[in-house]
Amino acid sequence: MCDLKYSCKLEISSDKMAAFLIVENISNDGIVLNKDNIYELLRSHNVVFGIIENVIDKICKSPNINERYLIAQGKKPINGKDGRVEYLIDFESNAEPKVLEDGRVDYKELQIFKSVKKDEIIARKVDPEDGIDGMNVNGEIVKANKGKEAKLPLGKNTYINDGCLYSSIDGHISKKDQKVNVNPIIELKDVNASTGNVRTFASIKIYNNISSGYKIESDGDVEIYGVVEGSTISAKGNVIIHKGIQGNGKAKIISGGKVVSKYLQNCEVIAEDDVVSEAIMYSTVKTNSCVKLIGNKGVIVGSVVIATREIEAINVGSKMFVHTELIVGEPPEKRKRKEEISKKISENEKSIDGLNKIVSYLTKLGVPDDKRAIYEKTLKSLLQLEAENKSLLDEYRELNSNNDESFGIIKVYDTVYPGTKITIDDVSRKIKEPVKYVTFMRNGADIDILPIG
């Protein structure tokens, strides 16, 4: 048995990181499978690194015909860690009021404005790390990639010096869209006929009230210590209203961050981040995040409240069966876009299949001169459709990337009254009897009412 000769073949992967020995058959023209002969075969193919001894022992002891043995394995390089940005300013603390033990809400210590001085360091760049080189089965070094350089988040009124980001003014700092901005702060007593409308790139503090009919537009945050009447506030940052909104059906708040207000009455609110309040009454509220009702009341009544992720309240609706609607989950426009993308990708795939067949057929013919124009036109259309499908797939993945574990949940810590309509994604349920201490979650084509966790 030991003197049998075998015909063998050695295969090396295209990246030279693996070598395979295939014992093809017994042959007088082959080799006796012992260690010396196998090592000689490896040397003849310049396989000198990562040889697996126990595999050679196994082959010598009992070779299996046509088995593909991994006989040598290279050492993969370990790429270096990317550089990173280390922030010296705390961006994590949020601008939400504190609920006291007795249920009252403290709006005094919101810390919405994070102040910096001119030439203060905001962040510094941490250098990337070198990688560890590998080696292929031919004993050649496989270079590791060094980590990528981090990019400092240069924004408005900031500058870079010696790997650090600094503020170029005294002001209020915020982080948005991978940039850090420093805005000056404008302080006003009131907004009324004496000030007119206010439009500025600065953050704004208003110590009293905003009268009806006036507009505020800010690239930063807006903090109001008094009451907002029938006016419009648009901010790229947070909007904080210490006393609340008495909108008379005319107030509109648009925020690129959070909206925090003691109460929201007869108004419209549109926010990118959370909406936090003690009461939402006869209003329309929309957010791409969560709506949180806090304090002793924590009530939503006579309103339409739409949140992408979650709604939390103490009480919803009223004993008078006032129509109140809570909507959570995937926004209808997002769901519609995903359906459009899926349909378009399917249509494109059918066209791509047909075009591939034409290209393949003409290629087999050697692309005759009289078919050259057709071939080039078909190939161009094929490449365009493939590029379009790649772009559509990227968009579809992006639309799906923002899902959260608490996606589409409504929690009510006391009572949901009849007259309330609950909608999660595209499934709705009307509340006909009072229910208490409940969580609403979608279950297929139904909405389950579960005990609150």
Protein backbone atom coordinates (compact mmCIF):
# COMPACT_ATOMS: atom_id res chain seq x y z
CA MET A 1 0.00 0.00 0.00
CA CYS A 2 2.78 2.35 0.89
CA ASP A 3 4.45 1.85 -2.50
CA LEU A 4 1.38 2.80 -4.53
CA LYS A 5 1.90 5.78 -6.77
CA TYR A 6 -0.70 8.50 -7.18
CA SER A 7 -1.22 11.20 -9.75
CA CYS A 8 -1.56 14.49 -7.82
CA LYS A 9 -2.45 18.06 -8.69
CA LEU A 10 -1.62 21.19 -6.70
CA GLU A 11 -3.91 24.22 -6.98
CA ILE A 12 -3.06 27.66 -5.64
CA SER A 13 -5.85 30.21 -5.11
CA SER A 14 -5.77 33.40 -7.17
CA ASP A 15 -4.82 35.47 -4.11
CA LYS A 16 -2.06 32.94 -3.21
CA MET A 17 -3.51 32.59 0.27
CA ALA A 18 -4.36 28.88 0.00
CA ALA A 19 -2.95 25.76 -1.67
CA PHE A 20 -4.96 22.58 -2.29
CA LEU A 21 -3.69 19.10 -3.06
CA ILE A 22 -5.97 16.83 -5.10
CA VAL A 23 -5.14 13.11 -5.24
CA GLU A 24 -6.54 12.26 -8.68
CA ASN A 25 -5.93 8.55 -9.16
CA ILE A 26 -3.47 5.67 -8.85
CA SER A 27 -0.90 5.97 -11.62
CA ASN A 28 2.50 4.50 -12.46
CA ASP A 29 3.52 8.00 -13.54
CA GLY A 30 2.64 9.43 -10.12
CA ILE A 31 4.45 9.70 -6.81
CA VAL A 32 4.49 7.69 -3.62
CA LEU A 33 2.61 9.75 -1.04
CA ASN A 34 5.14 10.27 1.70
CA LYS A 35 6.28 13.46 3.42
CA ASP A 36 9.44 13.91 1.34
CA ASN A 37 7.59 13.63 -1.97
CA ILE A 38 4.74 15.90 -0.89
CA TYR A 39 7.18 18.56 0.35
CA GLU A 40 9.05 18.28 -2.95
CA LEU A 41 5.76 18.80 -4.82
CA LEU A 42 5.03 21.89 -2.69
CA ARG A 43 8.54 23.29 -3.29
CA SER A 44 8.15 22.78 -7.02
CA HIS A 45 5.16 25.15 -6.89
CA ASN A 46 7.00 27.52 -4.52
CA VAL A 47 4.63 26.74 -1.62
CA VAL A 48 6.83 27.43 1.40
CA PHE A 49 4.59 29.10 4.03
CA GLY A 50 1.63 27.98 6.10
CA ILE A 51 2.04 24.27 5.32
CA ILE A 52 -0.41 22.21 7.40
CA GLU A 53 1.51 19.24 8.83
CA ASN A 54 -1.46 17.19 10.06
CA VAL A 55 -3.04 17.31 6.59
CA ILE A 56 0.16 15.90 5.08
CA ASP A 57 0.12 13.13 7.73
CA LYS A 58 -3.51 12.35 6.84
CA ILE A 59 -2.73 12.14 3.11
CA CYS A 60 0.26 9.89 3.69
CA LYS A 61 -1.72 7.58 5.96
CA SER A 62 -4.90 7.20 3.90
CA PRO A 63 -5.33 9.29 0.74
CA ASN A 64 -8.83 9.77 -0.64
CA ILE A 65 -9.18 9.94 -4.41
CA ASN A 66 -10.49 13.32 -5.68
CA GLU A 67 -10.59 14.87 -2.22
CA ARG A 68 -9.44 18.49 -2.24
CA TYR A 69 -7.07 18.89 0.72
CA LEU A 70 -6.26 22.35 2.06
CA ILE A 71 -2.53 21.76 2.49
CA ALA A 72 -1.21 25.30 3.03
CA GLN A 73 -2.81 28.50 4.24
CA GLY A 74 -1.43 32.01 4.16
CA LYS A 75 -1.63 34.49 6.99
CA LYS A 76 -4.07 37.28 6.22
CA PRO A 77 -3.00 40.83 6.94
CA ILE A 78 -4.73 42.66 9.78
CA ASN A 79 -5.69 46.15 8.67
CA GLY A 80 -4.99 49.02 11.01
CA LYS A 81 -7.71 50.74 13.04
CA ASP A 82 -9.19 53.88 11.52
CA GLY A 83 -8.50 57.20 13.13
CA ARG A 84 -11.31 58.81 15.13
CA VAL A 85 -12.50 62.13 16.45
CA GLU A 86 -12.38 62.65 20.21
CA TYR A 87 -14.84 65.29 21.40
CA LEU A 88 -13.99 67.49 24.38
CA ILE A 89 -17.56 68.85 24.54
CA ASP A 90 -20.43 66.70 25.88
CA PHE A 91 -22.98 66.39 23.09
CA GLU A 92 -24.87 63.52 24.74
CA SER A 93 -26.79 65.39 27.45
CA ASN A 94 -30.29 66.06 26.14
CA ALA A 95 -32.53 69.07 26.35
CA GLU A 96 -35.39 67.39 28.19
CA PRO A 97 -36.95 68.69 31.42
CA LYS A 98 -36.65 66.71 34.65
CA VAL A 99 -39.77 65.08 36.13
CA LEU A 100 -39.70 65.56 39.91
CA GLU A 101 -40.81 62.91 42.42
CA ASP A 102 -44.21 64.60 42.91
CA GLY A 103 -44.88 64.58 39.15
CA ARG A 104 -44.14 68.25 38.57
CA VAL A 105 -41.79 69.10 35.70
CA ASP A 106 -38.69 71.27 36.13
CA TYR A 107 -37.93 73.38 33.04
CA LYS A 108 -35.17 75.42 34.66
CA GLU A 109 -32.14 73.22 34.04
CA LEU A 110 -32.55 72.20 30.39
CA GLN A 111 -28.98 73.13 29.41
CA ILE A 112 -29.98 73.55 25.77
CA PHE A 113 -27.11 75.93 25.10
CA LYS A 114 -23.62 74.44 25.27
CA SER A 115 -21.35 77.46 25.31
CA VAL A 116 -17.76 77.70 24.07
CA LYS A 117 -15.23 80.48 24.10
CA LYS A 118 -13.28 81.76 21.14
CA ASP A 119 -10.23 79.53 20.43
CA GLU A 120 -11.52 76.79 22.76
CA ILE A 121 -10.72 73.23 21.63
CA ILE A 122 -13.85 71.36 20.58
CA ALA A 123 -12.37 68.08 19.33
CA ARG A 124 -9.08 66.47 18.42
CA LYS A 125 -8.07 63.91 15.87
CA VAL A 126 -6.75 60.53 17.04
CA ASP A 127 -4.30 59.09 14.50
CA PRO A 128 -5.03 55.81 12.70
CA GLU A 129 -3.03 52.71 13.59
CA ASP A 130 -0.72 50.67 11.36
CA GLY A 131 -1.83 47.20 10.39
CA ILE A 132 0.02 43.88 10.66
CA ASP A 133 1.32 42.46 7.38
CA GLY A 134 0.38 38.96 6.31
CA MET A 135 2.12 36.36 4.14
CA ASN A 136 0.91 34.19 1.27
CA VAL A 137 1.77 30.52 0.70
CA ASN A 138 4.64 31.55 -1.60
CA GLY A 139 6.29 33.35 1.33
CA GLU A 140 5.53 36.81 -0.07
CA ILE A 141 4.51 39.61 2.28
CA VAL A 142 0.89 40.75 1.95
CA LYS A 143 0.78 44.39 3.01
CA ALA A 144 -1.83 45.46 5.54
CA ASN A 145 -3.79 48.66 4.99
CA LYS A 146 -3.17 51.46 7.41
CA GLY A 147 -6.31 52.79 9.12
CA LYS A 148 -8.04 55.71 7.45
CA GLU A 149 -7.50 59.25 8.64
CA ALA A 150 -10.39 60.71 10.61
CA LYS A 151 -11.91 63.93 9.33
CA LEU A 152 -12.58 66.72 11.79
CA PRO A 153 -16.21 67.97 11.63
CA LEU A 154 -15.44 71.48 10.39
CA GLY A 155 -18.56 73.66 10.39
CA LYS A 156 -19.63 77.28 10.82
CA ASN A 157 -17.36 79.45 12.95
CA THR A 158 -14.79 76.70 13.56
CA TYR A 159 -11.23 76.20 12.37
CA ILE A 160 -8.60 73.46 12.36
CA ASN A 161 -5.07 73.79 13.71
CA ASP A 162 -2.54 71.03 14.42
CA GLY A 163 -5.08 68.20 14.33
CA CYS A 164 -7.62 69.94 16.57
CA LEU A 165 -10.95 71.70 15.94
CA TYR A 166 -11.41 75.11 17.56
CA SER A 167 -14.21 77.64 17.88
CA SER A 168 -13.54 80.92 16.12
CA ILE A 169 -16.12 82.86 18.20
CA ASP A 170 -17.81 82.92 21.59
CA GLY A 171 -21.12 81.15 21.08
CA HIS A 172 -23.38 78.15 21.30
CA ILE A 173 -22.16 74.83 19.89
CA SER A 174 -24.20 72.16 18.11
CA LYS A 175 -23.50 69.03 16.06
CA LYS A 176 -25.56 68.14 13.00
CA ASP A 177 -24.97 66.28 9.71
CA GLN A 178 -21.37 65.34 10.65
CA LYS A 179 -20.46 68.98 11.25
CA VAL A 180 -19.92 71.06 14.37
CA ASN A 181 -21.26 74.60 14.20
CA VAL A 182 -20.82 77.49 16.60
CA ASN A 183 -23.58 80.07 16.54
CA PRO A 184 -23.72 83.37 18.39
CA ILE A 185 -26.69 83.79 20.72
CA ILE A 186 -29.23 86.58 20.28
CA GLU A 187 -31.17 87.55 23.43
CA LEU A 188 -34.56 89.30 23.19
CA LYS A 189 -37.12 90.33 25.80
CA ASP A 190 -40.19 89.76 23.56
CA VAL A 191 -41.07 89.28 19.92
CA ASN A 192 -43.79 91.74 18.97
CA ALA A 193 -44.27 94.94 17.02
CA SER A 194 -41.09 96.40 18.52
CA THR A 195 -38.91 93.63 17.01
CA GLY A 196 -40.91 92.43 14.01
CA ASN A 197 -40.06 89.06 12.50
CA VAL A 198 -36.67 87.59 13.45
CA ARG A 199 -34.49 85.79 10.89
CA THR A 200 -30.95 84.84 11.89
CA PHE A 201 -28.28 82.14 11.70
CA ALA A 202 -27.75 82.61 15.46
CA SER A 203 -29.43 80.76 18.31
CA ILE A 204 -32.11 82.80 20.08
CA LYS A 205 -33.19 83.25 23.70
CA ILE A 206 -36.50 85.04 24.27
CA TYR A 207 -37.20 85.83 27.92
CA ASN A 208 -40.92 86.62 27.65
CA ASN A 209 -43.57 85.93 24.99
CA ILE A 210 -44.02 85.78 21.22
CA SER A 211 -47.13 87.62 20.08
CA SER A 212 -49.49 86.34 17.38
CA GLY A 213 -48.61 86.84 13.74
CA TYR A 214 -44.81 86.95 14.04
CA LYS A 215 -42.18 84.62 12.63
CA ILE A 216 -38.85 83.39 14.00
CA GLU A 217 -36.32 81.61 11.77
CA SER A 218 -33.01 80.38 13.20
CA ASP A 219 -30.16 78.18 12.01
CA GLY A 220 -29.52 77.26 15.64
CA ASP A 221 -31.72 76.61 18.70
CA VAL A 222 -34.63 78.70 19.98
CA GLU A 223 -35.45 78.91 23.69
CA ILE A 224 -38.55 80.80 24.86
CA TYR A 225 -39.25 81.36 28.55
CA GLY A 226 -42.80 82.65 28.07
CA VAL A 227 -45.81 81.71 25.91
CA VAL A 228 -46.04 81.32 22.14
CA GLU A 229 -49.27 82.57 20.60
CA GLY A 230 -50.35 82.26 16.93
CA SER A 231 -46.87 82.58 15.50
CA THR A 232 -44.43 80.50 13.41
CA ILE A 233 -41.08 79.24 14.70
CA SER A 234 -38.63 77.49 12.41
CA ALA A 235 -35.28 76.27 13.78
CA LYS A 236 -32.63 73.92 12.47
CA GLY A 237 -31.87 72.98 16.07
CA ASN A 238 -34.08 72.46 19.14
CA VAL A 239 -37.14 74.52 20.11
CA ILE A 240 -37.70 74.84 23.87
CA ILE A 241 -40.80 76.62 25.20
CA HIS A 242 -40.90 76.84 28.98
CA LYS A 243 -44.55 77.84 29.41
CA GLY A 244 -46.24 76.48 26.30
CA ILE A 245 -48.15 77.24 23.12
CA GLN A 246 -51.62 78.80 22.90
CA GLY A 247 -51.81 78.64 19.14
CA ASN A 248 -55.45 79.49 18.34
CA GLY A 249 -55.08 77.20 15.31
CA LYS A 250 -52.38 79.49 13.84
CA ALA A 251 -49.13 78.48 15.59
CA LYS A 252 -46.64 76.31 13.73
CA ILE A 253 -43.36 74.94 15.07
CA ILE A 254 -40.79 73.36 12.72
CA SER A 255 -37.68 71.90 14.34
CA GLY A 256 -34.63 70.11 12.98
CA GLY A 257 -34.06 68.78 16.51
CA LYS A 258 -36.30 68.37 19.56
CA VAL A 259 -39.41 70.28 20.57
CA VAL A 260 -39.90 70.60 24.34
CA SER A 261 -42.92 72.59 25.56
CA LYS A 262 -44.95 72.60 28.77
CA TYR A 263 -48.10 72.20 26.66
CA LEU A 264 -49.11 72.24 23.00
CA GLN A 265 -52.58 73.67 22.36
CA ASN A 266 -54.24 74.41 18.99
CA CYS A 267 -51.00 74.27 17.04
CA GLU A 268 -49.00 72.25 14.51
CA VAL A 269 -45.60 70.78 15.37
CA ILE A 270 -43.16 69.12 12.96
CA ALA A 271 -39.88 67.79 14.42
CA GLU A 272 -36.99 65.57 13.37
CA ASP A 273 -36.21 64.47 16.94
CA ASP A 274 -38.36 63.81 20.03
CA VAL A 275 -41.36 65.92 21.03
CA VAL A 276 -41.70 66.22 24.83
CA SER A 277 -44.64 67.87 26.61
CA GLU A 278 -47.04 67.57 29.53
CA ALA A 279 -50.15 67.95 27.35
CA ILE A 280 -51.05 67.90 23.65
CA MET A 281 -54.51 69.36 23.07
CA TYR A 282 -56.34 69.84 19.76
CA SER A 283 -53.08 69.87 17.84
CA THR A 284 -51.26 68.03 15.07
CA VAL A 285 -47.81 66.68 15.99
CA LYS A 286 -45.44 64.86 13.62
CA THR A 287 -41.95 63.57 14.39
CA ASN A 288 -39.40 61.21 12.87
CA SER A 289 -38.62 59.99 16.37
CA CYS A 290 -40.70 59.69 19.59
CA VAL A 291 -43.46 61.64 21.35
CA LYS A 292 -43.20 61.61 25.16
CA LEU A 293 -45.93 62.93 27.46
CA ILE A 294 -44.56 63.52 30.95
CA GLY A 295 -45.59 64.84 34.37
CA ASN A 296 -48.82 64.22 36.32
CA LYS A 297 -51.17 64.63 33.36
CA GLY A 298 -49.23 63.42 30.36
CA VAL A 299 -52.37 63.75 28.24
CA ILE A 300 -53.14 63.68 24.52
CA VAL A 301 -56.66 64.78 23.63
CA GLY A 302 -58.43 65.90 20.44
CA SER A 303 -55.16 65.63 18.52
CA VAL A 304 -53.45 63.70 15.75
CA VAL A 305 -50.00 62.56 16.92
CA ILE A 306 -47.69 60.86 14.42
CA ALA A 307 -44.32 59.34 15.44
CA THR A 308 -42.00 57.08 13.49
CA ARG A 309 -40.83 55.14 16.55
CA GLU A 310 -42.85 55.45 19.74
CA ILE A 311 -45.57 57.36 21.62
CA GLU A 312 -45.69 57.38 25.44
CA ALA A 313 -48.51 59.04 27.39
CA ILE A 314 -50.31 58.85 30.72
CA ASN A 315 -53.84 59.39 29.35
CA VAL A 316 -55.19 59.45 25.80
CA GLY A 317 -58.58 60.87 24.80
CA SER A 318 -61.26 61.92 27.28
CA LYS A 319 -64.46 60.77 28.97
CA MET A 320 -66.33 62.87 26.37
CA PHE A 321 -65.12 60.49 23.59
CA VAL A 322 -63.20 63.29 21.84
CA HIS A 323 -61.66 61.95 18.62
CA THR A 324 -57.94 61.42 19.18
CA GLU A 325 -55.59 59.64 16.81
CA LEU A 326 -52.18 58.09 17.49
CA ILE A 327 -50.08 56.88 14.54
CA VAL A 328 -46.71 55.12 14.81
CA GLY A 329 -44.44 53.10 12.56
CA GLU A 330 -43.17 53.46 9.07
CA PRO A 331 -44.34 56.72 7.48
CA PRO A 332 -46.75 56.17 4.54
CA GLU A 333 -44.51 58.10 2.15
CA LYS A 334 -41.54 55.90 3.08
CA ARG A 335 -43.57 52.71 2.65
CA LYS A 336 -44.84 53.93 -0.74
CA ARG A 337 -41.29 54.73 -1.90
CA LYS A 338 -40.08 51.24 -0.92
CA GLU A 339 -42.91 49.69 -2.94
CA GLU A 340 -42.01 51.88 -5.94
CA ILE A 341 -38.36 50.84 -5.69
CA SER A 342 -39.20 47.12 -5.43
CA LYS A 343 -41.46 47.33 -8.47
CA LYS A 344 -38.89 49.25 -10.52
CA ILE A 345 -36.06 46.84 -9.60
CA SER A 346 -38.24 43.88 -10.67
CA GLU A 347 -39.05 45.56 -14.01
CA ASN A 348 -35.37 46.37 -14.58
CA GLU A 349 -34.30 42.80 -13.80
CA LYS A 350 -36.61 41.47 -16.51
CA SER A 351 -35.18 43.96 -19.00
CA ILE A 352 -31.60 43.16 -17.90
CA ASP A 353 -32.25 39.44 -18.45
CA GLY A 354 -33.51 40.11 -21.99
CA LEU A 355 -30.60 42.42 -22.82
CA ASN A 356 -28.08 39.90 -21.46
CA LYS A 357 -29.45 37.27 -23.81
CA ILE A 358 -29.04 39.62 -26.80
CA VAL A 359 -25.48 40.55 -25.80
CA SER A 360 -24.57 36.89 -25.23
CA TYR A 361 -26.01 35.85 -28.59
CA LEU A 362 -24.19 38.60 -30.52
CA THR A 363 -20.95 37.86 -28.65
CA LYS A 364 -21.12 34.20 -29.72
CA LEU A 365 -21.52 35.37 -33.34
CA GLY A 366 -18.39 37.44 -32.94
CA VAL A 367 -20.45 40.67 -33.29
CA PRO A 368 -20.84 40.89 -37.08
CA ASP A 369 -20.34 44.35 -38.58
CA ASP A 370 -24.02 44.66 -39.51
CA LYS A 371 -24.94 43.96 -35.87
CA ARG A 372 -22.33 46.25 -34.28
CA ALA A 373 -24.71 49.20 -33.76
CA ILE A 374 -27.35 46.94 -32.15
CA TYR A 375 -24.70 45.37 -29.91
CA GLU A 376 -23.36 48.72 -28.71
CA LYS A 377 -26.84 50.15 -28.12
CA THR A 378 -27.91 47.02 -26.22
CA LEU A 379 -24.73 47.01 -24.11
CA LYS A 380 -25.20 50.70 -23.24
CA SER A 381 -28.81 50.08 -22.15
CA LEU A 382 -27.71 47.07 -20.11
CA LEU A 383 -25.04 49.06 -18.24
CA GLN A 384 -27.48 51.92 -17.58
CA LEU A 385 -30.10 49.55 -16.13
CA GLU A 386 -27.53 47.78 -13.95
CA ALA A 387 -26.30 51.14 -12.62
CA GLU A 388 -29.89 52.25 -11.97
CA ASN A 389 -30.66 49.04 -10.07
CA LYS A 390 -27.54 49.46 -7.94
CA SER A 391 -28.62 52.99 -7.05
CA LEU A 392 -32.16 51.80 -6.25
CA LEU A 393 -30.84 48.98 -4.05
CA ASP A 394 -28.65 51.46 -2.17
CA GLU A 395 -31.68 53.70 -1.59
CA TYR A 396 -33.78 50.73 -0.45
CA ARG A 397 -31.10 49.67 2.06
CA GLU A 398 -30.89 53.24 3.34
CA LEU A 399 -34.67 53.36 3.83
CA ASN A 400 -34.45 50.14 5.86
CA SER A 401 -31.38 51.16 7.85
CA ASN A 402 -33.20 53.44 10.31
CA ASN A 403 -35.46 50.80 11.84
CA ASP A 404 -35.34 50.71 15.63
CA GLU A 405 -36.03 47.90 18.12
CA SER A 406 -38.92 49.91 19.62
CA PHE A 407 -40.29 50.61 16.14
CA GLY A 408 -44.04 51.18 16.11
CA ILE A 409 -44.99 51.02 19.81
CA ILE A 410 -47.57 52.98 21.81
CA LYS A 411 -47.47 52.91 25.62
CA VAL A 412 -50.20 54.38 27.84
CA TYR A 413 -49.55 54.35 31.57
CA ASP A 414 -53.14 55.05 32.68
CA THR A 415 -56.25 55.23 30.46
CA VAL A 416 -57.09 55.17 26.76
CA TYR A 417 -60.65 56.44 26.28
CA PRO A 418 -63.17 55.49 23.57
CA GLY A 419 -62.99 57.76 20.54
CA THR A 420 -59.27 57.02 20.18
CA LYS A 421 -57.94 55.48 16.97
CA ILE A 422 -54.65 53.60 17.03
CA THR A 423 -52.67 53.07 13.80
CA ILE A 424 -49.41 51.13 13.50
CA ASP A 425 -47.95 51.11 9.99
CA ASP A 426 -51.04 50.41 7.82
CA VAL A 427 -53.13 48.64 10.49
CA SER A 428 -55.74 50.52 12.56
CA ARG A 429 -57.86 49.80 15.63
CA LYS A 430 -60.60 51.91 17.24
CA ILE A 431 -60.94 51.91 21.00
CA LYS A 432 -64.59 51.29 21.99
CA GLU A 433 -64.17 50.70 25.74
CA PRO A 434 -61.72 52.31 28.18
CA VAL A 435 -58.48 50.35 28.56
CA LYS A 436 -55.77 50.88 31.17
CA TYR A 437 -52.02 50.36 31.49
CA VAL A 438 -51.50 49.06 27.98
CA THR A 439 -48.98 48.69 25.18
CA PHE A 440 -50.16 48.64 21.56
CA MET A 441 -48.06 46.54 19.17
CA ARG A 442 -48.68 45.33 15.66
CA ASN A 443 -49.18 41.58 15.16
CA GLY A 444 -49.54 40.88 11.43
CA ALA A 445 -52.84 42.36 10.26
CA ASP A 446 -53.95 43.12 13.85
CA ILE A 447 -52.94 45.37 16.71
CA ASP A 448 -52.48 43.62 20.05
CA ILE A 449 -53.34 45.28 23.35
CA LEU A 450 -50.82 44.03 25.91
CA PRO A 451 -50.12 44.85 29.56
CA ILE A 452 -47.59 47.61 29.86
CA GLY A 453 -44.06 46.37 30.57
